[in-house]
């Protein structure tokens, strides 16, 4: 669990191959949260201080975005693995673009399918329901690109599949994930010069510039970066 002054974030990994991470957030005070790119698109349940629920889809973030919040709000976030895409949409959502979904009571509707509201504990069950309903699909070439046995394909083909599935290039995805790993290591107290060298940055200043661009924070202020 990671605690900030105005928000409390709880993260858990998932054994589900189509889920990257599951998050739960409670807002303790009014504030503004800087959402950072993480190489994933999200299904988000947001609940207001008055217990009004909204559900929406976000796209692949390409730069930090400021998101205001109120004390008493809480949310559940399901971040999908890079190889997963929404089968019912022709274009991958990127940047700050979101899609609001209809909510009725404890259910929401996505492309004609009635589904239960996301919960922190049962994210896997919901994703399985979405798969069975044909709402989600997986690009095998992209999925295998992260395995020990990548599928035989040209670099051009990999790039095309990656762009079509994620909305961003393979290079941009790798830069995001490298910046995330750099932040993880720096938070653990590892020496910046060593982290930069091990992760393939040209030098320490190159790493600092990349983290600032992608995460919106300098290495001296990384406690505000939590979605890793």
Protein backbone atom coordinates (compact mmCIF):
# COMPACT_ATOMS: atom_id res chain seq x y z
CA UNK A 1 0.00 0.00 0.00
CA UNK A 2 1.22 3.49 -0.86
CA UNK A 3 -0.07 6.42 1.19
CA UNK A 4 0.05 10.06 0.12
CA UNK A 5 -1.13 13.06 2.10
CA UNK A 6 -4.42 13.41 0.23
CA UNK A 7 -4.98 9.95 -1.26
CA UNK A 8 -4.55 6.34 -0.21
CA UNK A 9 -3.68 3.96 -3.03
CA UNK A 10 -3.81 0.18 -2.81
CA UNK A 11 -2.31 -1.90 -5.62
CA UNK A 12 -2.42 -5.61 -6.27
CA UNK A 13 -1.01 -7.78 -9.01
CA UNK A 14 -3.23 -10.22 -10.88
CA UNK A 15 -2.64 -13.73 -12.16
CA UNK A 16 -5.10 -13.03 -14.99
CA UNK A 17 -3.11 -12.80 -18.25
CA UNK A 18 -5.35 -10.01 -19.56
CA UNK A 19 -4.96 -7.76 -16.50
CA UNK A 20 -1.88 -5.64 -15.82
CA UNK A 21 -2.76 -4.23 -12.39
CA UNK A 22 -5.76 -3.54 -10.14
CA UNK A 23 -5.93 -0.34 -8.10
CA UNK A 24 -8.13 1.06 -5.36
CA UNK A 25 -7.97 4.71 -4.32
CA UNK A 26 -9.58 6.64 -1.46
CA UNK A 27 -9.37 10.45 -1.52
CA UNK A 28 -8.77 11.87 1.96
CA UNK A 29 -8.80 15.56 0.99
CA UNK A 30 -9.57 17.73 -2.03
CA UNK A 31 -6.67 17.83 -4.44
CA UNK A 32 -5.29 17.27 -7.91
CA UNK A 33 -3.73 13.98 -8.95
CA UNK A 34 -1.24 13.76 -11.82
CA UNK A 35 -2.15 10.65 -13.81
CA UNK A 36 0.95 9.29 -15.53
CA UNK A 37 1.40 7.07 -18.60
CA UNK A 38 1.75 3.39 -17.66
CA UNK A 39 1.33 1.49 -20.93
CA UNK A 40 -2.23 0.41 -20.14
CA UNK A 41 -5.82 1.47 -20.77
CA UNK A 42 -8.26 1.36 -17.89
CA UNK A 43 -11.80 0.53 -16.85
CA UNK A 44 -12.58 2.83 -13.91
CA UNK A 45 -15.35 2.95 -11.33
CA UNK A 46 -15.55 6.31 -9.58
CA UNK A 47 -17.81 6.93 -6.58
CA UNK A 48 -18.53 10.47 -5.39
CA UNK A 49 -18.77 11.55 -1.73
CA UNK A 50 -22.56 11.26 -2.20
CA UNK A 51 -22.20 7.63 -3.39
CA UNK A 52 -23.06 8.40 -7.01
CA UNK A 53 -21.22 5.93 -9.25
CA UNK A 54 -19.75 6.51 -12.71
CA UNK A 55 -17.94 4.04 -14.94
CA UNK A 56 -15.68 5.05 -17.80
CA UNK A 57 -12.89 3.86 -20.08
CA UNK A 58 -9.62 5.71 -20.46
CA UNK A 59 -7.12 5.41 -23.27
CA UNK A 60 -3.39 4.94 -23.40
CA UNK A 61 -1.92 7.99 -21.67
CA UNK A 62 0.84 9.67 -23.67
CA UNK A 63 1.68 12.42 -21.18
CA UNK A 64 0.84 13.33 -17.55
CA UNK A 65 -2.70 14.65 -17.00
CA UNK A 66 -3.95 16.59 -13.95
CA UNK A 67 -7.13 15.06 -12.51
CA UNK A 68 -8.98 16.96 -9.72
CA UNK A 69 -10.67 14.98 -6.94
CA UNK A 70 -12.77 15.60 -3.81
CA UNK A 71 -12.46 14.31 -0.27
CA UNK A 72 -14.57 11.19 0.11
CA UNK A 73 -14.28 10.02 -3.49
CA UNK A 74 -13.07 6.49 -4.08
CA UNK A 75 -12.35 4.44 -7.16
CA UNK A 76 -11.45 1.02 -8.54
CA UNK A 77 -9.19 0.81 -11.59
CA UNK A 78 -8.62 -2.25 -13.78
CA UNK A 79 -5.56 -1.67 -15.98
CA UNK A 80 -5.47 -4.03 -18.96
CA UNK A 81 -2.39 -5.76 -20.35
CA UNK A 82 -0.85 -4.25 -23.48
CA UNK A 83 -2.09 -7.03 -25.77
CA UNK A 84 -5.77 -6.52 -24.80
CA UNK A 85 -8.10 -4.29 -26.77
CA UNK A 86 -11.81 -3.48 -26.90
CA UNK A 87 -13.23 -5.55 -29.75
CA UNK A 88 -16.20 -3.26 -30.32
CA UNK A 89 -14.18 -0.13 -31.11
CA UNK A 90 -12.43 0.56 -34.41
CA UNK A 91 -10.01 3.11 -32.98
CA UNK A 92 -7.83 2.82 -29.89
CA UNK A 93 -8.42 5.59 -27.37
CA UNK A 94 -5.28 7.58 -26.43
CA UNK A 95 -4.38 10.62 -24.39
CA UNK A 96 -6.96 12.24 -22.11
CA UNK A 97 -9.94 10.96 -24.13
CA UNK A 98 -12.45 8.98 -22.07
CA UNK A 99 -15.70 7.14 -22.78
CA UNK A 100 -18.53 7.33 -20.25
CA UNK A 101 -20.67 4.23 -19.76
CA UNK A 102 -24.28 3.97 -18.57
CA UNK A 103 -24.71 2.99 -14.90
CA UNK A 104 -27.92 1.69 -13.33
CA UNK A 105 -27.80 0.67 -9.68
CA UNK A 106 -25.00 -1.87 -9.22
CA UNK A 107 -24.62 -2.54 -12.96
CA UNK A 108 -23.14 -0.81 -15.98
CA UNK A 109 -23.60 -1.31 -19.70
CA UNK A 110 -20.88 -1.70 -22.33
CA UNK A 111 -21.85 -2.13 -25.96
CA UNK A 112 -25.13 -3.89 -25.19
CA UNK A 113 -23.78 -6.10 -22.40
CA UNK A 114 -24.97 -5.66 -18.81
CA UNK A 115 -22.14 -6.09 -16.29
CA UNK A 116 -21.60 -5.74 -12.52
CA UNK A 117 -19.72 -2.71 -11.23
CA UNK A 118 -15.97 -3.35 -10.89
CA UNK A 119 -14.64 -4.26 -7.44
CA UNK A 120 -11.08 -4.44 -6.18
CA UNK A 121 -11.49 -8.09 -5.16
CA UNK A 122 -13.40 -9.45 -8.18
CA UNK A 123 -11.74 -7.74 -11.15
CA UNK A 124 -10.81 -11.09 -12.67
CA UNK A 125 -14.43 -12.31 -12.68
CA UNK A 126 -15.55 -9.14 -14.44
CA UNK A 127 -12.84 -9.41 -17.10
CA UNK A 128 -13.79 -13.05 -17.71
CA UNK A 129 -17.41 -11.95 -18.25
CA UNK A 130 -16.20 -9.31 -20.73
CA UNK A 131 -14.18 -11.91 -22.61
CA UNK A 132 -17.10 -14.35 -22.78
CA UNK A 133 -19.33 -11.55 -24.08
CA UNK A 134 -16.84 -10.86 -26.88
CA UNK A 135 -16.06 -7.35 -25.62
CA UNK A 136 -12.33 -7.95 -25.23
CA UNK A 137 -9.81 -9.51 -27.57
CA UNK A 138 -6.08 -10.19 -27.42
CA UNK A 139 -3.41 -9.70 -30.07
CA UNK A 140 -1.27 -12.83 -29.85
CA UNK A 141 1.73 -11.26 -31.55
CA UNK A 142 1.79 -8.42 -29.01
CA UNK A 143 1.22 -10.84 -26.11
CA UNK A 144 4.06 -13.10 -27.26
CA UNK A 145 6.39 -10.10 -27.63
CA UNK A 146 6.58 -10.02 -23.81
CA UNK A 147 7.11 -13.76 -23.37
CA UNK A 148 10.21 -15.95 -23.47
CA UNK A 149 9.07 -17.29 -26.84
CA UNK A 150 8.09 -14.32 -29.04
CA UNK A 151 6.15 -15.13 -32.19
CA UNK A 152 8.19 -15.09 -35.38
CA UNK A 153 7.41 -11.84 -37.19
CA UNK A 154 9.16 -8.96 -38.88
CA UNK A 155 9.91 -5.83 -36.90
CA UNK A 156 7.52 -3.94 -39.18
CA UNK A 157 4.72 -6.41 -38.42
CA UNK A 158 5.33 -6.15 -34.67
CA UNK A 159 5.22 -2.36 -34.88
CA UNK A 160 1.98 -2.41 -36.87
CA UNK A 161 0.29 -4.81 -34.44
CA UNK A 162 1.51 -2.80 -31.47
CA UNK A 163 0.24 0.49 -32.84
CA UNK A 164 -3.12 -1.02 -33.82
CA UNK A 165 -3.59 -2.72 -30.43
CA UNK A 166 -2.27 -0.10 -28.01
CA UNK A 167 -2.55 3.15 -29.94
CA UNK A 168 1.12 3.92 -29.27
CA UNK A 169 4.34 2.66 -30.83
CA UNK A 170 6.38 -0.16 -29.39
CA UNK A 171 9.20 2.32 -28.79
CA UNK A 172 6.95 4.67 -26.80
CA UNK A 173 5.64 1.73 -24.77
CA UNK A 174 9.20 0.64 -23.96
CA UNK A 175 10.12 4.20 -22.93
CA UNK A 176 7.14 4.33 -20.55
CA UNK A 177 7.95 0.97 -18.98
CA UNK A 178 11.63 1.87 -18.66
CA UNK A 179 10.73 5.11 -16.86
CA UNK A 180 8.46 3.13 -14.53
CA UNK A 181 11.26 0.71 -13.69
CA UNK A 182 13.65 3.61 -13.10
CA UNK A 183 11.16 5.16 -10.65
CA UNK A 184 10.74 1.83 -8.83
CA UNK A 185 14.49 1.46 -8.39
CA UNK A 186 15.03 5.05 -7.33
CA UNK A 187 12.25 4.71 -4.77
CA UNK A 188 14.10 1.69 -3.35
CA UNK A 189 17.11 3.91 -2.81
CA UNK A 190 19.32 2.64 -5.62
CA UNK A 191 22.02 4.99 -6.92
CA UNK A 192 20.74 7.11 -9.85
CA UNK A 193 23.90 6.65 -11.92
CA UNK A 194 23.68 2.88 -11.55
CA UNK A 195 19.98 2.79 -12.41
CA UNK A 196 20.58 4.89 -15.54
CA UNK A 197 23.39 2.62 -16.71
CA UNK A 198 21.55 -0.64 -16.05
CA UNK A 199 18.39 0.52 -17.85
CA UNK A 200 20.24 1.73 -20.93
CA UNK A 201 19.94 5.49 -20.56
CA UNK A 202 22.77 7.51 -22.11
CA UNK A 203 23.58 8.98 -18.71
CA UNK A 204 21.90 10.13 -15.49
CA UNK A 205 20.69 13.43 -16.98
CA UNK A 206 19.03 11.51 -19.83
CA UNK A 207 17.16 9.38 -17.28
CA UNK A 208 16.08 12.44 -15.28
CA UNK A 209 14.77 14.16 -18.42
CA UNK A 210 12.85 11.03 -19.47
CA UNK A 211 11.25 10.61 -16.02
CA UNK A 212 10.26 14.29 -15.94
CA UNK A 213 8.70 14.10 -19.43
CA UNK A 214 6.79 10.84 -18.87
CA UNK A 215 5.97 11.03 -15.17
CA UNK A 216 5.72 14.78 -14.75
CA UNK A 217 7.98 14.71 -11.69
CA UNK A 218 11.69 14.99 -11.02
CA UNK A 219 13.47 12.10 -9.27
CA UNK A 220 13.58 14.27 -6.14
CA UNK A 221 9.76 14.15 -5.92
CA UNK A 222 8.82 10.60 -6.87
CA UNK A 223 6.55 9.88 -3.90
CA UNK A 224 3.78 11.48 -5.96
CA UNK A 225 4.18 8.79 -8.64
CA UNK A 226 2.26 5.67 -7.63
CA UNK A 227 0.88 3.92 -10.72
CA UNK A 228 3.82 1.63 -11.40
